[in-house]
Amino acid sequence: MKANIDLTRRETLTLTAAAGFAALAPSLPASAQSSGILARKIPSSGEMLPVVGIGTAIIFDFDKSDQTKLNERAEVIKALVAGGGRLIDTAPSYGLAEDRLGDLFAMTGLRDRIFLAGKVRVASREDTIAEQKASFAKMKIDRIDLMQLHNVRDANQHLDLLREWKKSSLCKYIGITSSFDRDYHAVEQTLKREKPDFFQIDYSMVDRNSEERLIPTAADSGCAILTNLPFGRGKFFQKVAGKPLPDFAKEIEVTSWAQYALKWLLGNPAINGVIPGTDKPQYMVDNLKAGMGPLPDATMRKRMVDHFEQL
């Protein structure tokens, strides 16, 4: 499945692939190579966070012996930072992704430039603590920027342990995540009661189910909102493959279908960040451009969805 997703993105990407990071960085606007990317405020602190990051599910799950992938992912992280980005999201359930991040931080020396978001699964207190310790050991860290409770399913879920970690500076922020429609009621109740710093949800042109209630609830609860699966598990690229961008895309400086999908998300002012899975540096450069230039207003966002649905 992953190979097919990569292929369709290659077919829709208008950026010319380059051999290495040195060739890629100049394709960013000069201002973007430092701080030109849009940043939005984390409501609970006022800290500004750049709006385009990286998700590590699947594509960072590989054996350390695969030097080609290791070098390629290192270039992805370098491209993220060179373009003014900071956010990387991972989880224990993403196979070897945490192990590889530990290796990549050591390779690149960029850990201090990264806003790192991790997760722990809902379990007993002892098991959750053990999972956190194992994650930190794999990533070779002693603290994390954001710790999230992964895939909340219980309407009575509390965040007491995560608050203890925040109080002791083990993490700077706490949050919850969800990717399953069946859990939305429980998630909504938890958001209203617990009011975490962050909320992460699947959201894309392909799947807008969280748009009506969950995202407004999270915003009303004072959460910074991160969106995963912004390409709908590849379904977005499958639909647009081989099709030209609409002429109106020029109005918001969109030059690729990936930017089209990401700018549509970022046009929602409640969204603090998008975290697409990114396995190639040229894709990272392309994604970062979604955080630059004009964003679509509500009228343009509707026009973008209508065009996508008619393809």
C-alpha atoms as a PDB file:
ATOM      1  CA  MET A   1       0.000   0.000   0.000  1.00  0.00           C
ATOM      2  CA  LYS A   2       2.751   2.456   0.919  1.00  0.00           C
ATOM      3  CA  ALA A   3       4.488   2.006  -2.436  1.00  0.00           C
ATOM      4  CA  ASN A   4       1.265   2.927  -4.220  1.00  0.00           C
ATOM      5  CA  ILE A   5       0.848   6.039  -2.076  1.00  0.00           C
ATOM      6  CA  ASP A   6       4.408   7.135  -2.858  1.00  0.00           C
ATOM      7  CA  LEU A   7       3.861   6.537  -6.566  1.00  0.00           C
ATOM      8  CA  THR A   8       0.731   8.641  -6.749  1.00  0.00           C
ATOM      9  CA  ARG A   9       2.446  11.459  -4.905  1.00  0.00           C
ATOM     10  CA  ARG A  10       5.369  11.324  -7.326  1.00  0.00           C
ATOM     11  CA  GLU A  11       2.878  11.608 -10.158  1.00  0.00           C
ATOM     12  CA  THR A  12       1.205  14.683  -8.640  1.00  0.00           C
ATOM     13  CA  LEU A  13       4.280  16.455  -7.251  1.00  0.00           C
ATOM     14  CA  THR A  14       5.289  19.381  -9.432  1.00  0.00           C
ATOM     15  CA  LEU A  15       8.559  19.938  -7.592  1.00  0.00           C
ATOM     16  CA  THR A  16      11.594  18.407  -9.304  1.00  0.00           C
ATOM     17  CA  ALA A  17      13.246  15.804  -7.076  1.00  0.00           C
ATOM     18  CA  ALA A  18      16.859  16.521  -6.194  1.00  0.00           C
ATOM     19  CA  ALA A  19      19.604  14.170  -5.150  1.00  0.00           C
ATOM     20  CA  GLY A  20      20.328  15.580  -1.717  1.00  0.00           C
ATOM     21  CA  PHE A  21      19.512  18.221   0.854  1.00  0.00           C
ATOM     22  CA  ALA A  22      22.018  20.732  -0.476  1.00  0.00           C
ATOM     23  CA  ALA A  23      20.144  20.779  -3.754  1.00  0.00           C
ATOM     24  CA  LEU A  24      16.749  20.920  -2.057  1.00  0.00           C
ATOM     25  CA  ALA A  25      17.185  23.842   0.318  1.00  0.00           C
ATOM     26  CA  PRO A  26      17.502  26.482  -2.414  1.00  0.00           C
ATOM     27  CA  SER A  27      14.045  25.532  -3.701  1.00  0.00           C
ATOM     28  CA  LEU A  28      12.586  27.119  -0.575  1.00  0.00           C
ATOM     29  CA  PRO A  29      12.118  30.881  -0.598  1.00  0.00           C
ATOM     30  CA  ALA A  30      15.133  32.508   1.063  1.00  0.00           C
ATOM     31  CA  SER A  31      13.055  33.778   3.993  1.00  0.00           C
ATOM     32  CA  ALA A  32      11.607  30.319   4.567  1.00  0.00           C
ATOM     33  CA  GLN A  33      15.031  28.809   5.126  1.00  0.00           C
ATOM     34  CA  SER A  34      15.020  30.512   8.516  1.00  0.00           C
ATOM     35  CA  SER A  35      11.576  31.531   9.750  1.00  0.00           C
ATOM     36  CA  GLY A  36       9.256  32.218   6.816  1.00  0.00           C
ATOM     37  CA  ILE A  37       6.790  29.469   7.645  1.00  0.00           C
ATOM     38  CA  LEU A  38       3.570  30.416   9.413  1.00  0.00           C
ATOM     39  CA  ALA A  39       3.488  29.735  13.155  1.00  0.00           C
ATOM     40  CA  ARG A  40       0.411  29.663  15.365  1.00  0.00           C
ATOM     41  CA  LYS A  41       0.029  30.216  19.089  1.00  0.00           C
ATOM     42  CA  ILE A  42      -0.381  27.331  21.541  1.00  0.00           C
ATOM     43  CA  PRO A  43      -3.365  28.604  23.549  1.00  0.00           C
ATOM     44  CA  SER A  44      -2.222  27.349  26.968  1.00  0.00           C
ATOM     45  CA  SER A  45       1.188  29.044  26.819  1.00  0.00           C
ATOM     46  CA  GLY A  46       1.372  31.540  23.968  1.00  0.00           C
ATOM     47  CA  GLU A  47       4.349  29.683  22.468  1.00  0.00           C
ATOM     48  CA  MET A  48       4.430  29.867  18.670  1.00  0.00           C
ATOM     49  CA  LEU A  49       4.630  26.574  16.784  1.00  0.00           C
ATOM     50  CA  PRO A  50       5.284  26.303  13.017  1.00  0.00           C
ATOM     51  CA  VAL A  51       2.261  24.798  11.298  1.00  0.00           C
ATOM     52  CA  VAL A  52       3.904  22.045   9.187  1.00  0.00           C
ATOM     53  CA  GLY A  53       5.567  19.050  10.805  1.00  0.00           C
ATOM     54  CA  ILE A  54       6.164  15.338  10.312  1.00  0.00           C
ATOM     55  CA  GLY A  55       4.308  12.190  11.331  1.00  0.00           C
ATOM     56  CA  THR A  56       6.451   9.074  11.758  1.00  0.00           C
ATOM     57  CA  ALA A  57       3.946   6.210  11.466  1.00  0.00           C
ATOM     58  CA  ILE A  58       4.987   3.554   8.910  1.00  0.00           C
ATOM     59  CA  ILE A  59       7.700   5.554   7.157  1.00  0.00           C
ATOM     60  CA  PHE A  60      10.053   5.763  10.142  1.00  0.00           C
ATOM     61  CA  ASP A  61       9.399   2.106  10.991  1.00  0.00           C
ATOM     62  CA  PHE A  62      12.414   0.364   9.464  1.00  0.00           C
ATOM     63  CA  ASP A  63      15.475  -1.541  10.579  1.00  0.00           C
ATOM     64  CA  LYS A  64      18.622   0.396  11.415  1.00  0.00           C
ATOM     65  CA  SER A  65      20.551  -1.697   8.901  1.00  0.00           C
ATOM     66  CA  ASP A  66      18.691   0.049   6.046  1.00  0.00           C
ATOM     67  CA  GLN A  67      21.254   2.821   5.587  1.00  0.00           C
ATOM     68  CA  THR A  68      19.507   4.249   2.536  1.00  0.00           C
ATOM     69  CA  LYS A  69      16.309   4.940   4.476  1.00  0.00           C
ATOM     70  CA  LEU A  70      18.260   6.197   7.484  1.00  0.00           C
ATOM     71  CA  ASN A  71      20.133   8.733   5.366  1.00  0.00           C
ATOM     72  CA  GLU A  72      16.958   9.760   3.536  1.00  0.00           C
ATOM     73  CA  ARG A  73      15.014  10.351   6.751  1.00  0.00           C
ATOM     74  CA  ALA A  74      17.963  12.358   8.098  1.00  0.00           C
ATOM     75  CA  GLU A  75      17.628  14.626   5.068  1.00  0.00           C
ATOM     76  CA  VAL A  76      13.895  14.937   5.750  1.00  0.00           C
ATOM     77  CA  ILE A  77      14.587  16.198   9.274  1.00  0.00           C
ATOM     78  CA  LYS A  78      17.264  18.578   7.985  1.00  0.00           C
ATOM     79  CA  ALA A  79      14.809  19.919   5.414  1.00  0.00           C
ATOM     80  CA  LEU A  80      12.149  20.399   8.103  1.00  0.00           C
ATOM     81  CA  VAL A  81      14.476  22.488  10.255  1.00  0.00           C
ATOM     82  CA  ALA A  82      15.987  24.386   7.307  1.00  0.00           C
ATOM     83  CA  GLY A  83      12.465  25.388   6.279  1.00  0.00           C
ATOM     84  CA  GLY A  84      11.627  26.730   9.725  1.00  0.00           C
ATOM     85  CA  GLY A  85       9.647  23.690  10.907  1.00  0.00           C
ATOM     86  CA  ARG A  86      10.005  21.998  14.300  1.00  0.00           C
ATOM     87  CA  LEU A  87       7.237  19.481  14.971  1.00  0.00           C
ATOM     88  CA  ILE A  88       7.780  15.700  14.831  1.00  0.00           C
ATOM     89  CA  ASP A  89       5.102  13.324  16.130  1.00  0.00           C
ATOM     90  CA  THR A  90       5.649   9.676  17.063  1.00  0.00           C
ATOM     91  CA  ALA A  91       4.286   6.848  19.242  1.00  0.00           C
ATOM     92  CA  PRO A  92       5.301   3.470  20.731  1.00  0.00           C
ATOM     93  CA  SER A  93       2.775   1.784  18.429  1.00  0.00           C
ATOM     94  CA  TYR A  94       4.657   2.989  15.331  1.00  0.00           C
ATOM     95  CA  GLY A  95       6.994   0.005  15.301  1.00  0.00           C
ATOM     96  CA  LEU A  96      10.639   1.069  15.250  1.00  0.00           C
ATOM     97  CA  ALA A  97       9.920   4.767  14.675  1.00  0.00           C
ATOM     98  CA  GLU A  98      11.043   5.835  18.153  1.00  0.00           C
ATOM     99  CA  ASP A  99      14.286   3.858  17.806  1.00  0.00           C
ATOM    100  CA  ARG A 100      15.013   5.481  14.461  1.00  0.00           C
ATOM    101  CA  LEU A 101      14.284   8.950  15.812  1.00  0.00           C
ATOM    102  CA  GLY A 102      16.886   8.341  18.509  1.00  0.00           C
ATOM    103  CA  ASP A 103      19.385   7.394  15.802  1.00  0.00           C
ATOM    104  CA  LEU A 104      18.423  10.347  13.613  1.00  0.00           C
ATOM    105  CA  PHE A 105      18.705  12.877  16.413  1.00  0.00           C
ATOM    106  CA  ALA A 106      22.218  11.576  17.049  1.00  0.00           C
ATOM    107  CA  MET A 107      23.066  11.687  13.319  1.00  0.00           C
ATOM    108  CA  THR A 108      21.761  15.194  12.685  1.00  0.00           C
ATOM    109  CA  GLY A 109      22.400  16.886  16.021  1.00  0.00           C
ATOM    110  CA  LEU A 110      19.007  18.567  15.645  1.00  0.00           C
ATOM    111  CA  ARG A 111      17.127  17.308  18.706  1.00  0.00           C
ATOM    112  CA  ASP A 112      17.257  20.760  20.325  1.00  0.00           C
ATOM    113  CA  ARG A 113      15.612  22.276  17.232  1.00  0.00           C
ATOM    114  CA  ILE A 114      12.665  19.858  17.344  1.00  0.00           C
ATOM    115  CA  PHE A 115       9.295  20.130  19.074  1.00  0.00           C
ATOM    116  CA  LEU A 116       8.865  16.428  19.852  1.00  0.00           C
ATOM    117  CA  ALA A 117       5.418  14.945  20.420  1.00  0.00           C
ATOM    118  CA  GLY A 118       5.113  11.433  21.816  1.00  0.00           C
ATOM    119  CA  LYS A 119       2.331   9.216  23.099  1.00  0.00           C
ATOM    120  CA  VAL A 120       1.469   6.621  25.690  1.00  0.00           C
ATOM    121  CA  ARG A 121      -1.385   4.186  25.410  1.00  0.00           C
ATOM    122  CA  VAL A 122      -4.264   3.943  27.856  1.00  0.00           C
ATOM    123  CA  ALA A 123      -3.209   1.254  30.344  1.00  0.00           C
ATOM    124  CA  SER A 124      -2.602   0.723  34.033  1.00  0.00           C
ATOM    125  CA  ARG A 125      -0.528   3.378  35.755  1.00  0.00           C
ATOM    126  CA  GLU A 126       2.440   1.013  35.989  1.00  0.00           C
ATOM    127  CA  ASP A 127       2.256  -0.031  32.342  1.00  0.00           C
ATOM    128  CA  THR A 128       1.892   3.566  31.157  1.00  0.00           C
ATOM    129  CA  ILE A 129       4.951   4.622  33.175  1.00  0.00           C
ATOM    130  CA  ALA A 130       6.917   1.669  31.791  1.00  0.00           C
ATOM    131  CA  GLU A 131       5.940   2.610  28.239  1.00  0.00           C
ATOM    132  CA  GLN A 132       7.038   6.208  28.768  1.00  0.00           C
ATOM    133  CA  LYS A 133      10.413   5.095  30.113  1.00  0.00           C
ATOM    134  CA  ALA A 134      10.920   2.711  27.184  1.00  0.00           C
ATOM    135  CA  SER A 135      10.064   5.460  24.682  1.00  0.00           C
ATOM    136  CA  PHE A 136      12.507   7.886  26.264  1.00  0.00           C
ATOM    137  CA  ALA A 137      15.255   5.269  26.181  1.00  0.00           C
ATOM    138  CA  LYS A 138      14.635   4.549  22.490  1.00  0.00           C
ATOM    139  CA  MET A 139      14.676   8.226  21.546  1.00  0.00           C
ATOM    140  CA  LYS A 140      17.614   8.944  23.890  1.00  0.00           C
ATOM    141  CA  ILE A 141      15.803  11.791  25.649  1.00  0.00           C
ATOM    142  CA  ASP A 142      15.075  12.718  29.258  1.00  0.00           C
ATOM    143  CA  ARG A 143      12.077  14.990  28.589  1.00  0.00           C
ATOM    144  CA  ILE A 144       9.605  15.631  25.794  1.00  0.00           C
ATOM    145  CA  ASP A 145       7.728  18.661  24.547  1.00  0.00           C
ATOM    146  CA  LEU A 146       4.298  17.055  24.250  1.00  0.00           C
ATOM    147  CA  MET A 147       3.004  13.799  25.743  1.00  0.00           C
ATOM    148  CA  GLN A 148      -0.344  12.588  24.441  1.00  0.00           C
ATOM    149  CA  LEU A 149      -2.697   9.874  25.603  1.00  0.00           C
ATOM    150  CA  HIS A 150      -3.169   7.814  22.464  1.00  0.00           C
ATOM    151  CA  ASN A 151      -6.642   7.010  21.079  1.00  0.00           C
ATOM    152  CA  VAL A 152      -8.894   7.880  23.996  1.00  0.00           C
ATOM    153  CA  ARG A 153     -12.002   5.670  24.057  1.00  0.00           C
ATOM    154  CA  ASP A 154     -13.436   6.194  27.565  1.00  0.00           C
ATOM    155  CA  ALA A 155     -15.629   9.244  28.267  1.00  0.00           C
ATOM    156  CA  ASN A 156     -14.346   9.193  31.876  1.00  0.00           C
ATOM    157  CA  GLN A 157     -10.670   9.143  30.925  1.00  0.00           C
ATOM    158  CA  HIS A 158      -8.529  11.360  33.156  1.00  0.00           C
ATOM    159  CA  LEU A 159      -5.083  12.811  32.567  1.00  0.00           C
ATOM    160  CA  ASP A 160      -3.806  12.744  36.140  1.00  0.00           C
ATOM    161  CA  LEU A 161      -0.577  10.882  35.354  1.00  0.00           C
ATOM    162  CA  LEU A 162       0.235  13.154  32.422  1.00  0.00           C
ATOM    163  CA  ARG A 163      -0.358  16.163  34.663  1.00  0.00           C
ATOM    164  CA  GLU A 164       2.123  14.706  37.163  1.00  0.00           C
ATOM    165  CA  TRP A 165       4.670  14.426  34.361  1.00  0.00           C
ATOM    166  CA  LYS A 166       4.000  18.008  33.303  1.00  0.00           C
ATOM    167  CA  LYS A 167       4.386  19.262  36.873  1.00  0.00           C
ATOM    168  CA  SER A 168       7.732  17.470  37.178  1.00  0.00           C
ATOM    169  CA  SER A 169       8.876  18.872  33.775  1.00  0.00           C
ATOM    170  CA  LEU A 170       9.018  15.436  32.167  1.00  0.00           C
ATOM    171  CA  CYS A 171       6.868  17.036  29.472  1.00  0.00           C
ATOM    172  CA  LYS A 172       5.969  20.617  28.673  1.00  0.00           C
ATOM    173  CA  TYR A 173       2.472  19.961  27.343  1.00  0.00           C
ATOM    174  CA  ILE A 174      -0.125  17.185  27.573  1.00  0.00           C
ATOM    175  CA  GLY A 175      -2.773  16.090  25.098  1.00  0.00           C
ATOM    176  CA  ILE A 176      -5.066  13.386  23.789  1.00  0.00           C
ATOM    177  CA  THR A 177      -5.505  11.846  20.339  1.00  0.00           C
ATOM    178  CA  SER A 178      -8.148  10.005  18.345  1.00  0.00           C
ATOM    179  CA  SER A 179      -8.447   8.469  14.887  1.00  0.00           C
ATOM    180  CA  PHE A 180     -11.684   6.498  15.183  1.00  0.00           C
ATOM    181  CA  ASP A 181     -15.162   7.886  14.556  1.00  0.00           C
ATOM    182  CA  ARG A 182     -16.696   5.431  17.012  1.00  0.00           C
ATOM    183  CA  ASP A 183     -14.752   7.096  19.847  1.00  0.00           C
ATOM    184  CA  TYR A 184     -15.747  10.676  19.071  1.00  0.00           C
ATOM    185  CA  HIS A 185     -18.383  10.924  21.828  1.00  0.00           C
ATOM    186  CA  ALA A 186     -15.906   9.769  24.473  1.00  0.00           C
ATOM    187  CA  VAL A 187     -13.259  12.112  23.110  1.00  0.00           C
ATOM    188  CA  GLU A 188     -15.662  15.060  23.136  1.00  0.00           C
ATOM    189  CA  GLN A 189     -16.527  14.477  26.802  1.00  0.00           C
ATOM    190  CA  THR A 190     -12.868  14.121  27.729  1.00  0.00           C
ATOM    191  CA  LEU A 191     -11.959  17.344  25.946  1.00  0.00           C
ATOM    192  CA  LYS A 192     -14.663  19.291  27.759  1.00  0.00           C
ATOM    193  CA  ARG A 193     -13.700  17.958  31.177  1.00  0.00           C
ATOM    194  CA  GLU A 194      -9.904  17.609  31.014  1.00  0.00           C
ATOM    195  CA  LYS A 195      -9.066  20.582  28.759  1.00  0.00           C
ATOM    196  CA  PRO A 196      -5.643  19.301  27.622  1.00  0.00           C
ATOM    197  CA  ASP A 197      -3.053  21.566  26.016  1.00  0.00           C
ATOM    198  CA  PHE A 198      -3.241  19.663  22.707  1.00  0.00           C
ATOM    199  CA  PHE A 199      -5.701  17.581  20.750  1.00  0.00           C
ATOM    200  CA  GLN A 200      -4.715  15.461  17.751  1.00  0.00           C
ATOM    201  CA  ILE A 201      -7.303  14.179  15.277  1.00  0.00           C
ATOM    202  CA  ASP A 202      -7.509  12.688  11.791  1.00  0.00           C
ATOM    203  CA  TYR A 203      -8.804  15.362   9.431  1.00  0.00           C
ATOM    204  CA  SER A 204      -8.595  15.748   5.670  1.00  0.00           C
ATOM    205  CA  MET A 205     -10.636  16.487   2.581  1.00  0.00           C
ATOM    206  CA  VAL A 206     -11.258  12.745   2.464  1.00  0.00           C
ATOM    207  CA  ASP A 207     -12.492  12.538   6.070  1.00  0.00           C
ATOM    208  CA  ARG A 208     -14.178  15.627   7.518  1.00  0.00           C
ATOM    209  CA  ASN A 209     -16.142  13.859  10.253  1.00  0.00           C
ATOM    210  CA  SER A 210     -14.313  15.673  13.061  1.00  0.00           C
ATOM    211  CA  GLU A 211     -15.082  19.093  11.609  1.00  0.00           C
ATOM    212  CA  GLU A 212     -18.597  19.647  12.917  1.00  0.00           C
ATOM    213  CA  ARG A 213     -18.185  18.914  16.640  1.00  0.00           C
ATOM    214  CA  LEU A 214     -14.775  17.685  17.755  1.00  0.00           C
ATOM    215  CA  ILE A 215     -12.612  20.453  16.331  1.00  0.00           C
ATOM    216  CA  PRO A 216     -14.899  23.236  17.640  1.00  0.00           C
ATOM    217  CA  THR A 217     -15.058  21.487  21.038  1.00  0.00           C
ATOM    218  CA  ALA A 218     -11.268  21.256  21.188  1.00  0.00           C
ATOM    219  CA  ALA A 219     -10.911  24.912  20.213  1.00  0.00           C
ATOM    220  CA  ASP A 220     -13.473  25.946  22.848  1.00  0.00           C
ATOM    221  CA  SER A 221     -11.542  23.879  25.405  1.00  0.00           C
ATOM    222  CA  GLY A 222      -8.374  25.862  24.714  1.00  0.00           C
ATOM    223  CA  CYS A 223      -6.519  23.100  22.870  1.00  0.00           C
ATOM    224  CA  ALA A 224      -3.889  23.468  20.200  1.00  0.00           C
ATOM    225  CA  ILE A 225      -5.123  21.161  17.432  1.00  0.00           C
ATOM    226  CA  LEU A 226      -2.880  18.882  15.354  1.00  0.00           C
ATOM    227  CA  THR A 227      -4.226  16.967  12.371  1.00  0.00           C
ATOM    228  CA  ASN A 228      -2.933  13.572  11.336  1.00  0.00           C
ATOM    229  CA  LEU A 229      -3.673  11.635   8.140  1.00  0.00           C
ATOM    230  CA  PRO A 230      -4.012  14.876   6.132  1.00  0.00           C
ATOM    231  CA  PHE A 231      -4.013  12.874   2.884  1.00  0.00           C
ATOM    232  CA  GLY A 232      -6.598  10.355   4.098  1.00  0.00           C
ATOM    233  CA  ARG A 233      -4.258   7.330   4.113  1.00  0.00           C
ATOM    234  CA  GLY A 234      -3.327   8.084   0.504  1.00  0.00           C
ATOM    235  CA  LYS A 235      -6.915   8.276  -0.757  1.00  0.00           C
ATOM    236  CA  PHE A 236      -6.466  11.957  -1.561  1.00  0.00           C
ATOM    237  CA  PHE A 237      -3.538  11.284  -3.911  1.00  0.00           C
ATOM    238  CA  GLN A 238      -5.302   8.331  -5.483  1.00  0.00           C
ATOM    239  CA  LYS A 239      -8.187  10.613  -6.462  1.00  0.00           C
ATOM    240  CA  VAL A 240      -6.111  13.487  -7.842  1.00  0.00           C
ATOM    241  CA  ALA A 241      -3.444  11.388  -9.592  1.00  0.00           C
ATOM    242  CA  GLY A 242      -2.892  12.560 -13.161  1.00  0.00           C
ATOM    243  CA  LYS A 243      -5.260  15.510 -12.816  1.00  0.00           C
ATOM    244  CA  PRO A 244      -4.175  19.154 -13.170  1.00  0.00           C
ATOM    245  CA  LEU A 245      -4.539  21.643 -10.382  1.00  0.00           C
ATOM    246  CA  PRO A 246      -7.468  24.031 -10.848  1.00  0.00           C
ATOM    247  CA  ASP A 247      -6.556  27.514 -12.074  1.00  0.00           C
ATOM    248  CA  PHE A 248      -7.833  29.096  -8.859  1.00  0.00           C
ATOM    249  CA  ALA A 249      -5.071  27.315  -6.898  1.00  0.00           C
ATOM    250  CA  LYS A 250      -2.745  30.099  -8.072  1.00  0.00           C
ATOM    251  CA  GLU A 251      -4.698  32.555  -5.940  1.00  0.00           C
ATOM    252  CA  ILE A 252      -3.287  30.928  -2.794  1.00  0.00           C
ATOM    253  CA  GLU A 253       0.108  30.089  -4.349  1.00  0.00           C
ATOM    254  CA  VAL A 254      -0.514  26.335  -4.492  1.00  0.00           C
ATOM    255  CA  THR A 255       1.789  24.487  -6.878  1.00  0.00           C
ATOM    256  CA  SER A 256       1.148  20.838  -5.933  1.00  0.00           C
ATOM    257  CA  TRP A 257      -1.728  18.660  -4.801  1.00  0.00           C
ATOM    258  CA  ALA A 258      -0.023  18.089  -1.437  1.00  0.00           C
ATOM    259  CA  GLN A 259      -0.008  21.842  -0.835  1.00  0.00           C
ATOM    260  CA  TYR A 260      -3.653  21.961  -1.922  1.00  0.00           C
ATOM    261  CA  ALA A 261      -4.621  19.438   0.778  1.00  0.00           C
ATOM    262  CA  LEU A 262      -2.471  20.986   3.500  1.00  0.00           C
ATOM    263  CA  LYS A 263      -3.410  24.611   2.783  1.00  0.00           C
ATOM    264  CA  TRP A 264      -7.054  23.606   2.910  1.00  0.00           C
ATOM    265  CA  LEU A 265      -6.471  22.245   6.420  1.00  0.00           C
ATOM    266  CA  LEU A 266      -4.476  25.277   7.546  1.00  0.00           C
ATOM    267  CA  GLY A 267      -7.180  27.577   6.204  1.00  0.00           C
ATOM    268  CA  ASN A 268      -9.153  26.490   9.268  1.00  0.00           C
ATOM    269  CA  PRO A 269      -7.803  28.940  11.889  1.00  0.00           C
ATOM    270  CA  ALA A 270      -8.418  26.414  14.677  1.00  0.00           C
ATOM    271  CA  ILE A 271      -5.712  24.122  13.295  1.00  0.00           C
ATOM    272  CA  ASN A 272      -2.279  24.629  14.845  1.00  0.00           C
ATOM    273  CA  GLY A 273      -0.384  22.079  12.787  1.00  0.00           C
ATOM    274  CA  VAL A 274      -0.447  19.366  10.142  1.00  0.00           C
ATOM    275  CA  ILE A 275       1.775  16.302  10.501  1.00  0.00           C
ATOM    276  CA  PRO A 276       1.870  14.410   7.199  1.00  0.00           C
ATOM    277  CA  GLY A 277       4.006  11.308   7.003  1.00  0.00           C
ATOM    278  CA  THR A 278       7.083  12.400   5.073  1.00  0.00           C
ATOM    279  CA  ASP A 279       9.742  10.017   3.810  1.00  0.00           C
ATOM    280  CA  LYS A 280      11.611  12.083   1.210  1.00  0.00           C
ATOM    281  CA  PRO A 281      13.280  15.488   1.553  1.00  0.00           C
ATOM    282  CA  GLN A 282      11.669  16.837  -1.622  1.00  0.00           C
ATOM    283  CA  TYR A 283       8.258  16.017  -0.115  1.00  0.00           C
ATOM    284  CA  MET A 284       9.264  17.856   3.052  1.00  0.00           C
ATOM    285  CA  VAL A 285      10.173  20.943   1.043  1.00  0.00           C
ATOM    286  CA  ASP A 286       6.869  20.717  -0.820  1.00  0.00           C
ATOM    287  CA  ASN A 287       4.860  20.303   2.397  1.00  0.00           C
ATOM    288  CA  LEU A 288       6.559  23.282   4.025  1.00  0.00           C
ATOM    289  CA  LYS A 289       5.378  25.536   1.208  1.00  0.00           C
ATOM    290  CA  ALA A 290       1.820  24.918   2.415  1.00  0.00           C
ATOM    291  CA  GLY A 291       2.730  26.994   5.466  1.00  0.00           C
ATOM    292  CA  MET A 292       3.884  29.942   3.354  1.00  0.00           C
ATOM    293  CA  GLY A 293       1.983  32.598   1.466  1.00  0.00           C
ATOM    294  CA  PRO A 294      -1.787  33.168   1.544  1.00  0.00           C
ATOM    295  CA  LEU A 295      -4.182  30.647   3.066  1.00  0.00           C
ATOM    296  CA  PRO A 296      -7.707  29.993   1.820  1.00  0.00           C
ATOM    297  CA  ASP A 297     -10.583  31.764   3.524  1.00  0.00           C
ATOM    298  CA  ALA A 298     -13.892  29.993   4.173  1.00  0.00           C
ATOM    299  CA  THR A 299     -15.180  30.704   0.664  1.00  0.00           C
ATOM    300  CA  MET A 300     -12.021  29.370  -0.969  1.00  0.00           C
ATOM    301  CA  ARG A 301     -11.981  26.299   1.290  1.00  0.00           C
ATOM    302  CA  LYS A 302     -15.490  25.410   0.129  1.00  0.00           C
ATOM    303  CA  ARG A 303     -14.446  25.934  -3.483  1.00  0.00           C
ATOM    304  CA  MET A 304     -11.465  23.637  -2.951  1.00  0.00           C
ATOM    305  CA  VAL A 305     -13.601  20.864  -1.449  1.00  0.00           C
ATOM    306  CA  ASP A 306     -16.235  21.193  -4.162  1.00  0.00           C
ATOM    307  CA  HIS A 307     -13.569  20.871  -6.861  1.00  0.00           C
ATOM    308  CA  PHE A 308     -11.989  17.847  -5.143  1.00  0.00           C
ATOM    309  CA  GLU A 309     -15.342  16.078  -4.802  1.00  0.00           C
ATOM    310  CA  GLN A 310     -16.107  16.606  -8.493  1.00  0.00           C
ATOM    311  CA  LEU A 311     -12.884  14.966  -9.674  1.00  0.00           C
END
